[in-house]
PDB file of N, CA and C in Angstrom:
ATOM      1  N   UNK A   1     -68.543 195.497   2.806  1.00  0.00           N
ATOM      2  CA  UNK A   1     -68.360 196.367   1.671  1.00  0.00           C
ATOM      3  C   UNK A   1     -69.732 196.880   1.245  1.00  0.00           C
ATOM      4  N   UNK A   2     -69.815 198.145   0.952  1.00  0.00           N
ATOM      5  CA  UNK A   2     -71.074 198.750   0.522  1.00  0.00           C
ATOM      6  C   UNK A   2     -70.935 199.192  -0.930  1.00  0.00           C
ATOM      7  N   UNK A   3     -71.773 198.628  -1.783  1.00  0.00           N
ATOM      8  CA  UNK A   3     -71.777 198.992  -3.198  1.00  0.00           C
ATOM      9  C   UNK A   3     -72.914 199.966  -3.427  1.00  0.00           C
ATOM     10  N   UNK A   4     -72.596 201.111  -3.999  1.00  0.00           N
ATOM     11  CA  UNK A   4     -73.612 202.120  -4.262  1.00  0.00           C
ATOM     12  C   UNK A   4     -74.013 202.091  -5.728  1.00  0.00           C
ATOM     13  N   UNK A   5     -75.302 202.278  -5.954  1.00  0.00           N
ATOM     14  CA  UNK A   5     -75.814 202.312  -7.317  1.00  0.00           C
ATOM     15  C   UNK A   5     -75.217 203.514  -8.041  1.00  0.00           C
ATOM     16  N   UNK A   6     -74.838 203.351  -9.311  1.00  0.00           N
ATOM     17  CA  UNK A   6     -74.292 204.481 -10.060  1.00  0.00           C
ATOM     18  C   UNK A   6     -75.291 205.630 -10.154  1.00  0.00           C
ATOM     19  N   UNK A   7     -74.775 206.829 -10.236  1.00  0.00           N
ATOM     20  CA  UNK A   7     -75.656 207.997 -10.356  1.00  0.00           C
ATOM     21  C   UNK A   7     -76.325 208.045 -11.724  1.00  0.00           C
ATOM     22  N   UNK A   8     -75.577 207.608 -12.738  1.00  0.00           N
ATOM     23  CA  UNK A   8     -76.121 207.598 -14.098  1.00  0.00           C
ATOM     24  C   UNK A   8     -76.521 206.185 -14.497  1.00  0.00           C
ATOM     25  N   UNK A   9     -77.627 206.077 -15.206  1.00  0.00           N
ATOM     26  CA  UNK A   9     -78.132 204.791 -15.668  1.00  0.00           C
ATOM     27  C   UNK A   9     -77.267 204.267 -16.808  1.00  0.00           C
ATOM     28  N   UNK A  10     -76.801 203.015 -16.715  1.00  0.00           N
ATOM     29  CA  UNK A  10     -76.077 202.418 -17.840  1.00  0.00           C
ATOM     30  C   UNK A  10     -77.000 202.278 -19.060  1.00  0.00           C
ATOM     31  N   UNK A  11     -76.425 202.280 -20.243  1.00  0.00           N
ATOM     32  CA  UNK A  11     -77.215 202.227 -21.474  1.00  0.00           C
ATOM     33  C   UNK A  11     -77.926 200.894 -21.670  1.00  0.00           C
ATOM     34  N   UNK A  12     -77.381 199.814 -21.130  1.00  0.00           N
ATOM     35  CA  UNK A  12     -77.944 198.495 -21.403  1.00  0.00           C
ATOM     36  C   UNK A  12     -79.029 198.053 -20.415  1.00  0.00           C
ATOM     37  N   UNK A  13     -79.597 198.975 -19.666  1.00  0.00           N
ATOM     38  CA  UNK A  13     -80.666 198.648 -18.716  1.00  0.00           C
ATOM     39  C   UNK A  13     -81.776 199.692 -18.870  1.00  0.00           C
ATOM     40  N   UNK A  14     -82.994 199.230 -18.698  1.00  0.00           N
ATOM     41  CA  UNK A  14     -84.125 200.154 -18.853  1.00  0.00           C
ATOM     42  C   UNK A  14     -84.227 201.095 -17.647  1.00  0.00           C
ATOM     43  N   UNK A  15     -84.856 202.220 -17.838  1.00  0.00           N
ATOM     44  CA  UNK A  15     -85.048 203.193 -16.755  1.00  0.00           C
ATOM     45  C   UNK A  15     -85.855 202.560 -15.621  1.00  0.00           C
ATOM     46  N   UNK A  16     -86.889 201.818 -15.974  1.00  0.00           N
ATOM     47  CA  UNK A  16     -87.739 201.182 -14.963  1.00  0.00           C
ATOM     48  C   UNK A  16     -86.932 200.206 -14.109  1.00  0.00           C
ATOM     49  N   UNK A  17     -86.119 199.385 -14.755  1.00  0.00           N
ATOM     50  CA  UNK A  17     -85.296 198.415 -14.040  1.00  0.00           C
ATOM     51  C   UNK A  17     -84.258 199.135 -13.165  1.00  0.00           C
ATOM     52  N   UNK A  18     -83.627 200.167 -13.706  1.00  0.00           N
ATOM     53  CA  UNK A  18     -82.618 200.923 -12.960  1.00  0.00           C
ATOM     54  C   UNK A  18     -83.228 201.565 -11.717  1.00  0.00           C
ATOM     55  N   UNK A  19     -84.408 202.159 -11.871  1.00  0.00           N
ATOM     56  CA  UNK A  19     -85.067 202.808 -10.735  1.00  0.00           C
ATOM     57  C   UNK A  19     -85.500 201.805  -9.669  1.00  0.00           C
ATOM     58  N   UNK A  20     -85.735 200.554 -10.072  1.00  0.00           N
ATOM     59  CA  UNK A  20     -86.176 199.546  -9.111  1.00  0.00           C
ATOM     60  C   UNK A  20     -85.027 198.985  -8.264  1.00  0.00           C
ATOM     61  N   UNK A  21     -83.781 199.231  -8.678  1.00  0.00           N
ATOM     62  CA  UNK A  21     -82.633 198.733  -7.925  1.00  0.00           C
ATOM     63  C   UNK A  21     -82.455 199.510  -6.628  1.00  0.00           C
ATOM     64  N   UNK A  22     -81.960 198.854  -5.571  1.00  0.00           N
ATOM     65  CA  UNK A  22     -81.723 199.570  -4.311  1.00  0.00           C
ATOM     66  C   UNK A  22     -80.606 200.597  -4.460  1.00  0.00           C
ATOM     67  N   UNK A  23     -80.613 201.601  -3.582  1.00  0.00           N
ATOM     68  CA  UNK A  23     -79.579 202.647  -3.636  1.00  0.00           C
ATOM     69  C   UNK A  23     -78.199 202.103  -3.312  1.00  0.00           C
ATOM     70  N   UNK A  24     -78.146 201.133  -2.412  1.00  0.00           N
ATOM     71  CA  UNK A  24     -76.873 200.493  -2.098  1.00  0.00           C
ATOM     72  C   UNK A  24     -77.103 199.032  -1.754  1.00  0.00           C
ATOM     73  N   UNK A  25     -76.011 198.293  -1.745  1.00  0.00           N
ATOM     74  CA  UNK A  25     -76.077 196.852  -1.543  1.00  0.00           C
ATOM     75  C   UNK A  25     -74.893 196.438  -0.686  1.00  0.00           C
ATOM     76  N   UNK A  26     -75.155 195.662   0.356  1.00  0.00           N
ATOM     77  CA  UNK A  26     -74.085 195.165   1.216  1.00  0.00           C
ATOM     78  C   UNK A  26     -73.543 193.883   0.590  1.00  0.00           C
ATOM     79  N   UNK A  27     -72.234 193.846   0.402  1.00  0.00           N
ATOM     80  CA  UNK A  27     -71.576 192.703  -0.218  1.00  0.00           C
ATOM     81  C   UNK A  27     -70.447 192.199   0.663  1.00  0.00           C
ATOM     82  N   UNK A  28     -70.036 190.997   0.414  1.00  0.00           N
ATOM     83  CA  UNK A  28     -68.930 190.388   1.155  1.00  0.00           C
ATOM     84  C   UNK A  28     -67.823 190.049   0.167  1.00  0.00           C
ATOM     85  N   UNK A  29     -66.599 190.372   0.535  1.00  0.00           N
ATOM     86  CA  UNK A  29     -65.433 190.026  -0.271  1.00  0.00           C
ATOM     87  C   UNK A  29     -64.726 188.836   0.360  1.00  0.00           C
ATOM     88  N   UNK A  30     -64.423 187.843  -0.467  1.00  0.00           N
ATOM     89  CA  UNK A  30     -63.646 186.691  -0.011  1.00  0.00           C
ATOM     90  C   UNK A  30     -62.347 186.702  -0.807  1.00  0.00           C
ATOM     91  N   UNK A  31     -61.222 186.767  -0.102  1.00  0.00           N
ATOM     92  CA  UNK A  31     -59.908 186.852  -0.739  1.00  0.00           C
ATOM     93  C   UNK A  31     -59.212 185.498  -0.712  1.00  0.00           C
ATOM     94  N   UNK A  32     -58.513 185.227  -1.802  1.00  0.00           N
ATOM     95  CA  UNK A  32     -57.735 183.996  -1.904  1.00  0.00           C
ATOM     96  C   UNK A  32     -56.427 184.334  -2.603  1.00  0.00           C
ATOM     97  N   UNK A  33     -55.343 183.808  -2.104  1.00  0.00           N
ATOM     98  CA  UNK A  33     -54.036 184.009  -2.720  1.00  0.00           C
ATOM     99  C   UNK A  33     -53.561 182.683  -3.285  1.00  0.00           C
ATOM    100  N   UNK A  34     -53.211 182.697  -4.565  1.00  0.00           N
ATOM    101  CA  UNK A  34     -52.719 181.499  -5.229  1.00  0.00           C
ATOM    102  C   UNK A  34     -51.208 181.634  -5.356  1.00  0.00           C
ATOM    103  N   UNK A  35     -50.507 180.736  -4.675  1.00  0.00           N
ATOM    104  CA  UNK A  35     -49.047 180.770  -4.679  1.00  0.00           C
ATOM    105  C   UNK A  35     -48.519 179.521  -5.381  1.00  0.00           C
ATOM    106  N   UNK A  36     -47.921 179.724  -6.550  1.00  0.00           N
ATOM    107  CA  UNK A  36     -47.315 178.631  -7.307  1.00  0.00           C
ATOM    108  C   UNK A  36     -45.836 178.960  -7.447  1.00  0.00           C
ATOM    109  N   UNK A  37     -44.961 178.054  -6.996  1.00  0.00           N
ATOM    110  CA  UNK A  37     -43.520 178.330  -7.090  1.00  0.00           C
ATOM    111  C   UNK A  37     -43.105 178.675  -8.525  1.00  0.00           C
ATOM    112  N   UNK A  38     -42.338 179.746  -8.656  1.00  0.00           N
ATOM    113  CA  UNK A  38     -41.874 180.183  -9.960  1.00  0.00           C
ATOM    114  C   UNK A  38     -42.801 181.177 -10.642  1.00  0.00           C
ATOM    115  N   UNK A  39     -43.977 181.439 -10.057  1.00  0.00           N
ATOM    116  CA  UNK A  39     -44.933 182.384 -10.626  1.00  0.00           C
ATOM    117  C   UNK A  39     -45.256 183.457  -9.593  1.00  0.00           C
ATOM    118  N   UNK A  40     -45.745 184.573 -10.074  1.00  0.00           N
ATOM    119  CA  UNK A  40     -46.189 185.619  -9.154  1.00  0.00           C
ATOM    120  C   UNK A  40     -47.397 185.138  -8.367  1.00  0.00           C
ATOM    121  N   UNK A  41     -47.485 185.582  -7.120  1.00  0.00           N
ATOM    122  CA  UNK A  41     -48.667 185.274  -6.320  1.00  0.00           C
ATOM    123  C   UNK A  41     -49.847 186.037  -6.898  1.00  0.00           C
ATOM    124  N   UNK A  42     -50.950 185.342  -7.074  1.00  0.00           N
ATOM    125  CA  UNK A  42     -52.140 185.958  -7.658  1.00  0.00           C
ATOM    126  C   UNK A  42     -53.235 186.027  -6.606  1.00  0.00           C
ATOM    127  N   UNK A  43     -53.877 187.189  -6.521  1.00  0.00           N
ATOM    128  CA  UNK A  43     -54.974 187.350  -5.578  1.00  0.00           C
ATOM    129  C   UNK A  43     -56.300 187.251  -6.331  1.00  0.00           C
ATOM    130  N   UNK A  44     -57.186 186.423  -5.813  1.00  0.00           N
ATOM    131  CA  UNK A  44     -58.533 186.284  -6.354  1.00  0.00           C
ATOM    132  C   UNK A  44     -59.481 186.881  -5.321  1.00  0.00           C
ATOM    133  N   UNK A  45     -60.390 187.733  -5.774  1.00  0.00           N
ATOM    134  CA  UNK A  45     -61.397 188.310  -4.888  1.00  0.00           C
ATOM    135  C   UNK A  45     -62.765 187.909  -5.427  1.00  0.00           C
ATOM    136  N   UNK A  46     -63.518 187.184  -4.613  1.00  0.00           N
ATOM    137  CA  UNK A  46     -64.871 186.781  -4.972  1.00  0.00           C
ATOM    138  C   UNK A  46     -65.823 187.677  -4.182  1.00  0.00           C
ATOM    139  N   UNK A  47     -66.719 188.352  -4.884  1.00  0.00           N
ATOM    140  CA  UNK A  47     -67.689 189.237  -4.241  1.00  0.00           C
ATOM    141  C   UNK A  47     -69.038 188.538  -4.260  1.00  0.00           C
ATOM    142  N   UNK A  48     -69.702 188.496  -3.112  1.00  0.00           N
ATOM    143  CA  UNK A  48     -70.949 187.746  -2.988  1.00  0.00           C
ATOM    144  C   UNK A  48     -71.943 188.473  -2.090  1.00  0.00           C
ATOM    145  N   UNK A  49     -73.198 188.102  -2.236  1.00  0.00           N
ATOM    146  CA  UNK A  49     -74.238 188.604  -1.336  1.00  0.00           C
ATOM    147  C   UNK A  49     -74.480 187.626  -0.191  1.00  0.00           C
ATOM    148  N   UNK A  50     -73.742 186.525  -0.153  1.00  0.00           N
ATOM    149  CA  UNK A  50     -73.848 185.556   0.944  1.00  0.00           C
ATOM    150  C   UNK A  50     -73.052 186.104   2.126  1.00  0.00           C
ATOM    151  N   UNK A  51     -73.713 186.829   2.998  1.00  0.00           N
ATOM    152  CA  UNK A  51     -73.036 187.595   4.042  1.00  0.00           C
ATOM    153  C   UNK A  51     -72.699 186.791   5.293  1.00  0.00           C
ATOM    154  N   UNK A  52     -73.443 185.749   5.563  1.00  0.00           N
ATOM    155  CA  UNK A  52     -73.257 184.985   6.795  1.00  0.00           C
ATOM    156  C   UNK A  52     -72.028 184.080   6.679  1.00  0.00           C
ATOM    157  N   UNK A  53     -70.936 184.472   7.356  1.00  0.00           N
ATOM    158  CA  UNK A  53     -69.675 183.735   7.261  1.00  0.00           C
ATOM    159  C   UNK A  53     -69.741 182.369   7.949  1.00  0.00           C
ATOM    160  N   UNK A  54     -70.677 182.190   8.861  1.00  0.00           N
ATOM    161  CA  UNK A  54     -70.809 180.894   9.534  1.00  0.00           C
ATOM    162  C   UNK A  54     -71.553 179.913   8.631  1.00  0.00           C
ATOM    163  N   UNK A  55     -72.646 180.364   8.057  1.00  0.00           N
ATOM    164  CA  UNK A  55     -73.427 179.500   7.175  1.00  0.00           C
ATOM    165  C   UNK A  55     -72.717 179.276   5.832  1.00  0.00           C
ATOM    166  N   UNK A  56     -71.979 180.287   5.374  1.00  0.00           N
ATOM    167  CA  UNK A  56     -71.267 180.213   4.097  1.00  0.00           C
ATOM    168  C   UNK A  56     -69.789 180.518   4.324  1.00  0.00           C
ATOM    169  N   UNK A  57     -69.020 179.526   4.789  1.00  0.00           N
ATOM    170  CA  UNK A  57     -67.599 179.764   5.053  1.00  0.00           C
ATOM    171  C   UNK A  57     -66.848 180.158   3.775  1.00  0.00           C
ATOM    172  N   UNK A  58     -65.801 180.925   3.951  1.00  0.00           N
ATOM    173  CA  UNK A  58     -64.992 181.362   2.819  1.00  0.00           C
ATOM    174  C   UNK A  58     -64.491 180.189   1.987  1.00  0.00           C
ATOM    175  N   UNK A  59     -64.108 179.122   2.667  1.00  0.00           N
ATOM    176  CA  UNK A  59     -63.591 177.946   1.942  1.00  0.00           C
ATOM    177  C   UNK A  59     -64.648 177.359   1.008  1.00  0.00           C
ATOM    178  N   UNK A  60     -65.906 177.336   1.443  1.00  0.00           N
ATOM    179  CA  UNK A  60     -66.987 176.824   0.587  1.00  0.00           C
ATOM    180  C   UNK A  60     -67.216 177.726  -0.622  1.00  0.00           C
ATOM    181  N   UNK A  61     -67.189 179.021  -0.401  1.00  0.00           N
ATOM    182  CA  UNK A  61     -67.382 179.970  -1.504  1.00  0.00           C
ATOM    183  C   UNK A  61     -66.253 179.833  -2.512  1.00  0.00           C
ATOM    184  N   UNK A  62     -65.017 179.704  -2.027  1.00  0.00           N
ATOM    185  CA  UNK A  62     -63.879 179.557  -2.933  1.00  0.00           C
ATOM    186  C   UNK A  62     -63.912 178.215  -3.661  1.00  0.00           C
ATOM    187  N   UNK A  63     -64.376 177.160  -2.991  1.00  0.00           N
ATOM    188  CA  UNK A  63     -64.535 175.862  -3.661  1.00  0.00           C
ATOM    189  C   UNK A  63     -65.568 175.948  -4.784  1.00  0.00           C
ATOM    190  N   UNK A  64     -66.675 176.625  -4.530  1.00  0.00           N
ATOM    191  CA  UNK A  64     -67.694 176.801  -5.567  1.00  0.00           C
ATOM    192  C   UNK A  64     -67.161 177.624  -6.726  1.00  0.00           C
ATOM    193  N   UNK A  65     -66.413 178.677  -6.413  1.00  0.00           N
ATOM    194  CA  UNK A  65     -65.806 179.502  -7.460  1.00  0.00           C
ATOM    195  C   UNK A  65     -64.868 178.657  -8.318  1.00  0.00           C
ATOM    196  N   UNK A  66     -64.046 177.834  -7.670  1.00  0.00           N
ATOM    197  CA  UNK A  66     -63.111 176.984  -8.395  1.00  0.00           C
ATOM    198  C   UNK A  66     -63.852 175.980  -9.276  1.00  0.00           C
ATOM    199  N   UNK A  67     -64.927 175.400  -8.750  1.00  0.00           N
ATOM    200  CA  UNK A  67     -65.723 174.446  -9.533  1.00  0.00           C
ATOM    201  C   UNK A  67     -66.324 175.125 -10.757  1.00  0.00           C
ATOM    202  N   UNK A  68     -66.846 176.317 -10.565  1.00  0.00           N
ATOM    203  CA  UNK A  68     -67.427 177.069 -11.684  1.00  0.00           C
ATOM    204  C   UNK A  68     -66.351 177.398 -12.707  1.00  0.00           C
ATOM    205  N   UNK A  69     -65.172 177.821 -12.234  1.00  0.00           N
ATOM    206  CA  UNK A  69     -64.073 178.162 -13.127  1.00  0.00           C
ATOM    207  C   UNK A  69     -63.675 176.938 -13.965  1.00  0.00           C
ATOM    208  N   UNK A  70     -63.545 175.782 -13.319  1.00  0.00           N
ATOM    209  CA  UNK A  70     -63.174 174.556 -14.032  1.00  0.00           C
ATOM    210  C   UNK A  70     -64.243 174.172 -15.051  1.00  0.00           C
ATOM    211  N   UNK A  71     -65.513 174.340 -14.708  1.00  0.00           N
ATOM    212  CA  UNK A  71     -66.596 174.033 -15.644  1.00  0.00           C
ATOM    213  C   UNK A  71     -66.508 174.929 -16.870  1.00  0.00           C
ATOM    214  N   UNK A  72     -66.247 176.223 -16.668  1.00  0.00           N
ATOM    215  CA  UNK A  72     -66.128 177.165 -17.786  1.00  0.00           C
ATOM    216  C   UNK A  72     -64.946 176.798 -18.681  1.00  0.00           C
ATOM    217  N   UNK A  73     -63.808 176.467 -18.066  1.00  0.00           N
ATOM    218  CA  UNK A  73     -62.620 176.111 -18.837  1.00  0.00           C
ATOM    219  C   UNK A  73     -62.870 174.831 -19.633  1.00  0.00           C
ATOM    220  N   UNK A  74     -63.494 173.852 -19.003  1.00  0.00           N
ATOM    221  CA  UNK A  74     -63.773 172.586 -19.686  1.00  0.00           C
ATOM    222  C   UNK A  74     -64.773 172.767 -20.822  1.00  0.00           C
ATOM    223  N   UNK A  75     -65.785 173.584 -20.607  1.00  0.00           N
ATOM    224  CA  UNK A  75     -66.762 173.856 -21.659  1.00  0.00           C
ATOM    225  C   UNK A  75     -66.087 174.555 -22.841  1.00  0.00           C
ATOM    226  N   UNK A  76     -65.219 175.497 -22.551  1.00  0.00           N
ATOM    227  CA  UNK A  76     -64.484 176.194 -23.616  1.00  0.00           C
ATOM    228  C   UNK A  76     -63.611 175.217 -24.399  1.00  0.00           C
ATOM    229  N   UNK A  77     -62.964 174.307 -23.685  1.00  0.00           N
ATOM    230  CA  UNK A  77     -62.122 173.305 -24.336  1.00  0.00           C
ATOM    231  C   UNK A  77     -62.961 172.399 -25.246  1.00  0.00           C
ATOM    232  N   UNK A  78     -64.109 171.966 -24.772  1.00  0.00           N
ATOM    233  CA  UNK A  78     -65.000 171.121 -25.580  1.00  0.00           C
ATOM    234  C   UNK A  78     -65.450 171.861 -26.834  1.00  0.00           C
ATOM    235  N   UNK A  79     -65.852 173.122 -26.665  1.00  0.00           N
ATOM    236  CA  UNK A  79     -66.288 173.912 -27.823  1.00  0.00           C
ATOM    237  C   UNK A  79     -65.169 174.060 -28.843  1.00  0.00           C
ATOM    238  N   UNK A  80     -63.963 174.334 -28.374  1.00  0.00           N
ATOM    239  CA  UNK A  80     -62.834 174.498 -29.288  1.00  0.00           C
ATOM    240  C   UNK A  80     -62.519 173.190 -29.998  1.00  0.00           C
ATOM    241  N   UNK A  81     -62.511 172.092 -29.257  1.00  0.00           N
ATOM    242  CA  UNK A  81     -62.220 170.787 -29.831  1.00  0.00           C
ATOM    243  C   UNK A  81     -63.238 170.411 -30.906  1.00  0.00           C
ATOM    244  N   UNK A  82     -64.507 170.725 -30.674  1.00  0.00           N
ATOM    245  CA  UNK A  82     -65.568 170.397 -31.627  1.00  0.00           C
ATOM    246  C   UNK A  82     -65.728 171.439 -32.730  1.00  0.00           C
ATOM    247  N   UNK A  83     -64.915 172.487 -32.681  1.00  0.00           N
ATOM    248  CA  UNK A  83     -65.017 173.536 -33.693  1.00  0.00           C
ATOM    249  C   UNK A  83     -66.243 174.405 -33.522  1.00  0.00           C
ATOM    250  N   UNK A  84     -66.731 174.498 -32.299  1.00  0.00           N
ATOM    251  CA  UNK A  84     -67.932 175.280 -32.023  1.00  0.00           C
ATOM    252  C   UNK A  84     -67.615 176.530 -31.212  1.00  0.00           C
ATOM    253  N   UNK A  85     -66.335 176.920 -31.171  1.00  0.00           N
ATOM    254  CA  UNK A  85     -65.965 178.081 -30.364  1.00  0.00           C
ATOM    255  C   UNK A  85     -66.421 179.382 -31.003  1.00  0.00           C
ATOM    256  N   UNK A  86     -66.633 179.378 -32.310  1.00  0.00           N
ATOM    257  CA  UNK A  86     -67.134 180.574 -32.984  1.00  0.00           C
ATOM    258  C   UNK A  86     -68.298 180.177 -33.870  1.00  0.00           C
ATOM    259  N   UNK A  87     -69.494 180.529 -33.446  1.00  0.00           N
ATOM    260  CA  UNK A  87     -70.688 180.321 -34.262  1.00  0.00           C
ATOM    261  C   UNK A  87     -71.132 181.688 -34.756  1.00  0.00           C
ATOM    262  N   UNK A  88     -71.330 181.819 -36.052  1.00  0.00           N
ATOM    263  CA  UNK A  88     -71.625 183.133 -36.619  1.00  0.00           C
ATOM    264  C   UNK A  88     -73.102 183.496 -36.573  1.00  0.00           C
ATOM    265  N   UNK A  89     -73.974 182.518 -36.386  1.00  0.00           N
ATOM    266  CA  UNK A  89     -75.412 182.790 -36.394  1.00  0.00           C
ATOM    267  C   UNK A  89     -75.877 183.315 -35.040  1.00  0.00           C
ATOM    268  N   UNK A  90     -77.040 183.973 -35.056  1.00  0.00           N
ATOM    269  CA  UNK A  90     -77.535 184.577 -33.825  1.00  0.00           C
ATOM    270  C   UNK A  90     -78.888 184.038 -33.372  1.00  0.00           C
ATOM    271  N   UNK A  91     -79.603 183.336 -34.229  1.00  0.00           N
ATOM    272  CA  UNK A  91     -80.898 182.791 -33.826  1.00  0.00           C
ATOM    273  C   UNK A  91     -80.752 181.292 -33.579  1.00  0.00           C
ATOM    274  N   UNK A  92     -81.563 180.736 -32.695  1.00  0.00           N
ATOM    275  CA  UNK A  92     -81.471 179.302 -32.419  1.00  0.00           C
ATOM    276  C   UNK A  92     -81.649 178.438 -33.679  1.00  0.00           C
ATOM    277  N   UNK A  93     -82.554 178.836 -34.564  1.00  0.00           N
ATOM    278  CA  UNK A  93     -82.799 178.044 -35.773  1.00  0.00           C
ATOM    279  C   UNK A  93     -81.560 177.993 -36.662  1.00  0.00           C
ATOM    280  N   UNK A  94     -80.939 179.164 -36.840  1.00  0.00           N
ATOM    281  CA  UNK A  94     -79.762 179.220 -37.703  1.00  0.00           C
ATOM    282  C   UNK A  94     -78.555 178.526 -37.061  1.00  0.00           C
ATOM    283  N   UNK A  95     -78.449 178.587 -35.740  1.00  0.00           N
ATOM    284  CA  UNK A  95     -77.358 177.881 -35.061  1.00  0.00           C
ATOM    285  C   UNK A  95     -77.520 176.382 -35.252  1.00  0.00           C
ATOM    286  N   UNK A  96     -78.764 175.881 -35.179  1.00  0.00           N
ATOM    287  CA  UNK A  96     -79.009 174.459 -35.436  1.00  0.00           C
ATOM    288  C   UNK A  96     -78.558 174.083 -36.844  1.00  0.00           C
ATOM    289  N   UNK A  97     -78.871 174.935 -37.813  1.00  0.00           N
ATOM    290  CA  UNK A  97     -78.454 174.669 -39.197  1.00  0.00           C
ATOM    291  C   UNK A  97     -76.931 174.699 -39.312  1.00  0.00           C
ATOM    292  N   UNK A  98     -76.298 175.686 -38.672  1.00  0.00           N
ATOM    293  CA  UNK A  98     -74.848 175.777 -38.736  1.00  0.00           C
ATOM    294  C   UNK A  98     -74.207 174.566 -38.070  1.00  0.00           C
ATOM    295  N   UNK A  99     -74.761 174.148 -36.958  1.00  0.00           N
ATOM    296  CA  UNK A  99     -74.241 172.980 -36.244  1.00  0.00           C
ATOM    297  C   UNK A  99     -74.378 171.733 -37.108  1.00  0.00           C
ATOM    298  N   UNK A 100     -75.516 171.582 -37.781  1.00  0.00           N
ATOM    299  CA  UNK A 100     -75.736 170.430 -38.659  1.00  0.00           C
ATOM    300  C   UNK A 100     -74.752 170.463 -39.823  1.00  0.00           C
ATOM    301  N   UNK A 101     -74.462 171.652 -40.328  1.00  0.00           N
ATOM    302  CA  UNK A 101     -73.528 171.816 -41.437  1.00  0.00           C
ATOM    303  C   UNK A 101     -72.117 171.388 -41.023  1.00  0.00           C
ATOM    304  N   UNK A 102     -71.731 171.746 -39.800  1.00  0.00           N
ATOM    305  CA  UNK A 102     -70.376 171.406 -39.309  1.00  0.00           C
ATOM    306  C   UNK A 102     -70.234 169.899 -39.182  1.00  0.00           C
ATOM    307  N   UNK A 103     -71.288 169.245 -38.715  1.00  0.00           N
ATOM    308  CA  UNK A 103     -71.212 167.805 -38.474  1.00  0.00           C
ATOM    309  C   UNK A 103     -72.157 167.091 -39.374  1.00  0.00           C
TER     310      UNK A 103
END
């Protein structure tokens, strides 16, 4: 798969950074189908720059994706359980104060 750089610069990136990006990028798609009885089959597509299929088998990439997904879900669950899923402050100092206030 060949990903081409957009013609227009996105607003959230500097001109210097945008100009330094390559014109195109070769990527690899790894497809996985999740079949659970009673549910629709879901297709997961993982896009990676790890192009060597021998050194990086699809099964390994999908295992890493699954591990990352589980870590994110577990972290979200911990935050919700501790009442930390919504912190209103934006600076580290104020978040520390808010965290101390909660507990």
